[in-house]
C-alpha cells in the first residue's frame, strides 16, 4: 500500500510529523496476519488479535509504499503466533510478534453485544 496522509502520525494523533504512524503499521500487521490464515479456517470462523510485541524502527514518508510479511510460527489450540515484519521501499521499518485467537464470529459478536 502507499502511505496516505490519513495514515500519518500527525493525522492519527500518535505524533506531530507526516510519517507512517505506528498505529497504521500495527493495523497493517494485524490485517496481514489475519488474512493469511482466513482461507484455512472453517466457515463462520475468524481471528481476533490478542497481543502485539513490535518495534517501529524507521520512519516512512507519506507517499512511499509499505508492505508487511507474516509467518505463522506457533499454533497452540486456538492461539496463533505470527512473526510480522513491515518494510518500505528502502528498508525494514518494524517487526516483532503478534498473537491471534480463532473465534466463531457470530458467537463472539453476540457476547460482545451483550455487554
C-alpha atoms as a PDB file:
ATOM      1  CA  UNK A   1       0.000   0.000   0.000  1.00  0.00           C
ATOM      2  CA  UNK A   2       1.066   3.588  -0.376  1.00  0.00           C
ATOM      3  CA  UNK A   3       1.180   5.658   2.809  1.00  0.00           C
ATOM      4  CA  UNK A   4      -1.661   8.197   2.644  1.00  0.00           C
ATOM      5  CA  UNK A   5      -1.831  11.434   4.649  1.00  0.00           C
ATOM      6  CA  UNK A   6      -4.617   9.870   6.761  1.00  0.00           C
ATOM      7  CA  UNK A   7      -2.090   7.273   7.984  1.00  0.00           C
ATOM      8  CA  UNK A   8       0.462   9.800   9.192  1.00  0.00           C
ATOM      9  CA  UNK A   9       1.354  10.174  12.845  1.00  0.00           C
ATOM     10  CA  UNK A  10       0.199  13.777  12.659  1.00  0.00           C
ATOM     11  CA  UNK A  11      -3.297  12.756  11.474  1.00  0.00           C
ATOM     12  CA  UNK A  12      -3.891   9.748  13.709  1.00  0.00           C
ATOM     13  CA  UNK A  13      -2.699  11.563  16.820  1.00  0.00           C
ATOM     14  CA  UNK A  14       0.360   9.446  17.577  1.00  0.00           C
ATOM     15  CA  UNK A  15       2.908  12.175  16.800  1.00  0.00           C
ATOM     16  CA  UNK A  16       3.485  15.525  15.180  1.00  0.00           C
ATOM     17  CA  UNK A  17       5.103  14.572  11.879  1.00  0.00           C
ATOM     18  CA  UNK A  18       3.939  13.395   8.447  1.00  0.00           C
ATOM     19  CA  UNK A  19       5.352   9.865   8.562  1.00  0.00           C
ATOM     20  CA  UNK A  20       3.687   6.422   8.618  1.00  0.00           C
ATOM     21  CA  UNK A  21       2.089   6.166  12.063  1.00  0.00           C
ATOM     22  CA  UNK A  22       2.846   3.286  14.371  1.00  0.00           C
ATOM     23  CA  UNK A  23      -0.909   2.546  14.783  1.00  0.00           C
ATOM     24  CA  UNK A  24      -1.195   2.331  10.978  1.00  0.00           C
ATOM     25  CA  UNK A  25       1.753  -0.074  10.845  1.00  0.00           C
ATOM     26  CA  UNK A  26       0.137  -2.186  13.571  1.00  0.00           C
ATOM     27  CA  UNK A  27      -3.130  -2.279  11.610  1.00  0.00           C
ATOM     28  CA  UNK A  28      -1.224  -3.431   8.524  1.00  0.00           C
ATOM     29  CA  UNK A  29       0.472  -6.176  10.563  1.00  0.00           C
ATOM     30  CA  UNK A  30      -2.838  -7.360  12.017  1.00  0.00           C
ATOM     31  CA  UNK A  31      -4.533  -7.339   8.611  1.00  0.00           C
ATOM     32  CA  UNK A  32      -1.674  -9.294   7.042  1.00  0.00           C
ATOM     33  CA  UNK A  33      -1.650 -11.966   9.762  1.00  0.00           C
ATOM     34  CA  UNK A  34      -5.433 -12.235   9.832  1.00  0.00           C
ATOM     35  CA  UNK A  35      -5.847 -12.549   6.073  1.00  0.00           C
ATOM     36  CA  UNK A  36      -3.026 -15.106   5.823  1.00  0.00           C
ATOM     37  CA  UNK A  37      -4.971 -17.731   7.782  1.00  0.00           C
ATOM     38  CA  UNK A  38      -8.530 -16.890   6.752  1.00  0.00           C
ATOM     39  CA  UNK A  39      -8.603 -19.418   3.871  1.00  0.00           C
ATOM     40  CA  UNK A  40      -7.722 -22.211   6.330  1.00  0.00           C
ATOM     41  CA  UNK A  41     -10.471 -21.534   8.864  1.00  0.00           C
ATOM     42  CA  UNK A  42     -13.856 -23.205   8.951  1.00  0.00           C
ATOM     43  CA  UNK A  43     -16.973 -21.416   7.749  1.00  0.00           C
ATOM     44  CA  UNK A  44     -18.106 -18.904  10.377  1.00  0.00           C
ATOM     45  CA  UNK A  45     -14.672 -18.594  11.983  1.00  0.00           C
ATOM     46  CA  UNK A  46     -12.308 -15.649  12.116  1.00  0.00           C
ATOM     47  CA  UNK A  47      -9.479 -14.430  14.291  1.00  0.00           C
ATOM     48  CA  UNK A  48      -9.051 -11.586  16.759  1.00  0.00           C
ATOM     49  CA  UNK A  49      -5.808 -10.012  17.847  1.00  0.00           C
ATOM     50  CA  UNK A  50      -4.847 -10.670  21.459  1.00  0.00           C
ATOM     51  CA  UNK A  51      -1.279  -9.359  21.733  1.00  0.00           C
ATOM     52  CA  UNK A  52       1.450  -7.458  19.939  1.00  0.00           C
ATOM     53  CA  UNK A  53       5.135  -7.167  20.739  1.00  0.00           C
ATOM     54  CA  UNK A  54       6.558  -4.991  17.989  1.00  0.00           C
ATOM     55  CA  UNK A  55       9.056  -2.242  17.343  1.00  0.00           C
ATOM     56  CA  UNK A  56       8.769   0.600  14.843  1.00  0.00           C
ATOM     57  CA  UNK A  57      12.380   1.093  13.788  1.00  0.00           C
ATOM     58  CA  UNK A  58      12.394   3.509  10.850  1.00  0.00           C
ATOM     59  CA  UNK A  59      10.261   6.382   9.583  1.00  0.00           C
ATOM     60  CA  UNK A  60       8.470   6.213   6.230  1.00  0.00           C
ATOM     61  CA  UNK A  61       7.287   9.389   4.487  1.00  0.00           C
ATOM     62  CA  UNK A  62       3.773   9.872   3.161  1.00  0.00           C
ATOM     63  CA  UNK A  63       3.642   8.687  -0.460  1.00  0.00           C
ATOM     64  CA  UNK A  64       6.087   5.792  -0.078  1.00  0.00           C
ATOM     65  CA  UNK A  65       4.995   2.167  -0.482  1.00  0.00           C
ATOM     66  CA  UNK A  66       4.897  -0.128   2.555  1.00  0.00           C
ATOM     67  CA  UNK A  67       4.054  -3.792   2.998  1.00  0.00           C
ATOM     68  CA  UNK A  68       4.017  -6.456   5.664  1.00  0.00           C
ATOM     69  CA  UNK A  69       5.012 -10.091   5.728  1.00  0.00           C
ATOM     70  CA  UNK A  70       3.755 -12.559   8.309  1.00  0.00           C
ATOM     71  CA  UNK A  71       4.749 -16.093   9.158  1.00  0.00           C
ATOM     72  CA  UNK A  72       2.690 -18.401  11.362  1.00  0.00           C
ATOM     73  CA  UNK A  73       5.320 -19.707  13.782  1.00  0.00           C
ATOM     74  CA  UNK A  74       3.265 -21.420  16.506  1.00  0.00           C
ATOM     75  CA  UNK A  75      -0.173 -22.964  16.967  1.00  0.00           C
ATOM     76  CA  UNK A  76      -1.424 -23.723  20.495  1.00  0.00           C
ATOM     77  CA  UNK A  77      -5.018 -24.880  20.237  1.00  0.00           C
ATOM     78  CA  UNK A  78      -6.876 -21.802  19.000  1.00  0.00           C
ATOM     79  CA  UNK A  79      -3.990 -19.386  19.702  1.00  0.00           C
ATOM     80  CA  UNK A  80      -1.857 -18.477  16.695  1.00  0.00           C
ATOM     81  CA  UNK A  81       1.526 -16.744  16.944  1.00  0.00           C
ATOM     82  CA  UNK A  82       2.943 -14.854  13.980  1.00  0.00           C
ATOM     83  CA  UNK A  83       6.284 -13.296  13.181  1.00  0.00           C
ATOM     84  CA  UNK A  84       5.473  -9.970  11.490  1.00  0.00           C
ATOM     85  CA  UNK A  85       7.753  -7.581   9.628  1.00  0.00           C
ATOM     86  CA  UNK A  86       6.969  -4.314   7.845  1.00  0.00           C
ATOM     87  CA  UNK A  87       9.019  -2.771   5.058  1.00  0.00           C
ATOM     88  CA  UNK A  88       9.123   0.368   2.964  1.00  0.00           C
ATOM     89  CA  UNK A  89      10.861   0.839  -0.362  1.00  0.00           C
ATOM     90  CA  UNK A  90      14.220   1.365   1.378  1.00  0.00           C
ATOM     91  CA  UNK A  91      14.344  -0.846   4.478  1.00  0.00           C
ATOM     92  CA  UNK A  92      12.692  -2.930   7.174  1.00  0.00           C
ATOM     93  CA  UNK A  93      10.689  -0.464   9.266  1.00  0.00           C
ATOM     94  CA  UNK A  94       9.402  -2.671  12.067  1.00  0.00           C
ATOM     95  CA  UNK A  95       8.663  -6.123  13.310  1.00  0.00           C
ATOM     96  CA  UNK A  96       8.007  -8.489  16.160  1.00  0.00           C
ATOM     97  CA  UNK A  97       5.351 -10.999  17.152  1.00  0.00           C
ATOM     98  CA  UNK A  98       1.579 -10.914  17.019  1.00  0.00           C
ATOM     99  CA  UNK A  99      -0.872 -13.363  18.587  1.00  0.00           C
ATOM    100  CA  UNK A 100      -4.383 -14.009  17.340  1.00  0.00           C
ATOM    101  CA  UNK A 101      -7.152 -16.253  18.638  1.00  0.00           C
ATOM    102  CA  UNK A 102      -9.528 -18.270  16.447  1.00  0.00           C
ATOM    103  CA  UNK A 103     -13.149 -17.408  17.204  1.00  0.00           C
ATOM    104  CA  UNK A 104     -16.618 -18.278  15.981  1.00  0.00           C
ATOM    105  CA  UNK A 105     -17.618 -14.867  14.658  1.00  0.00           C
ATOM    106  CA  UNK A 106     -21.343 -14.992  15.409  1.00  0.00           C
ATOM    107  CA  UNK A 107     -20.851 -16.239  18.980  1.00  0.00           C
ATOM    108  CA  UNK A 108     -18.067 -13.714  19.610  1.00  0.00           C
ATOM    109  CA  UNK A 109     -20.163 -10.812  18.302  1.00  0.00           C
ATOM    110  CA  UNK A 110     -23.196 -11.865  20.346  1.00  0.00           C
ATOM    111  CA  UNK A 111     -21.107 -11.971  23.525  1.00  0.00           C
ATOM    112  CA  UNK A 112     -19.659  -8.522  22.823  1.00  0.00           C
ATOM    113  CA  UNK A 113     -23.105  -7.092  22.047  1.00  0.00           C
ATOM    114  CA  UNK A 114     -24.454  -8.449  25.342  1.00  0.00           C
ATOM    115  CA  UNK A 115     -22.178  -6.145  27.362  1.00  0.00           C
END
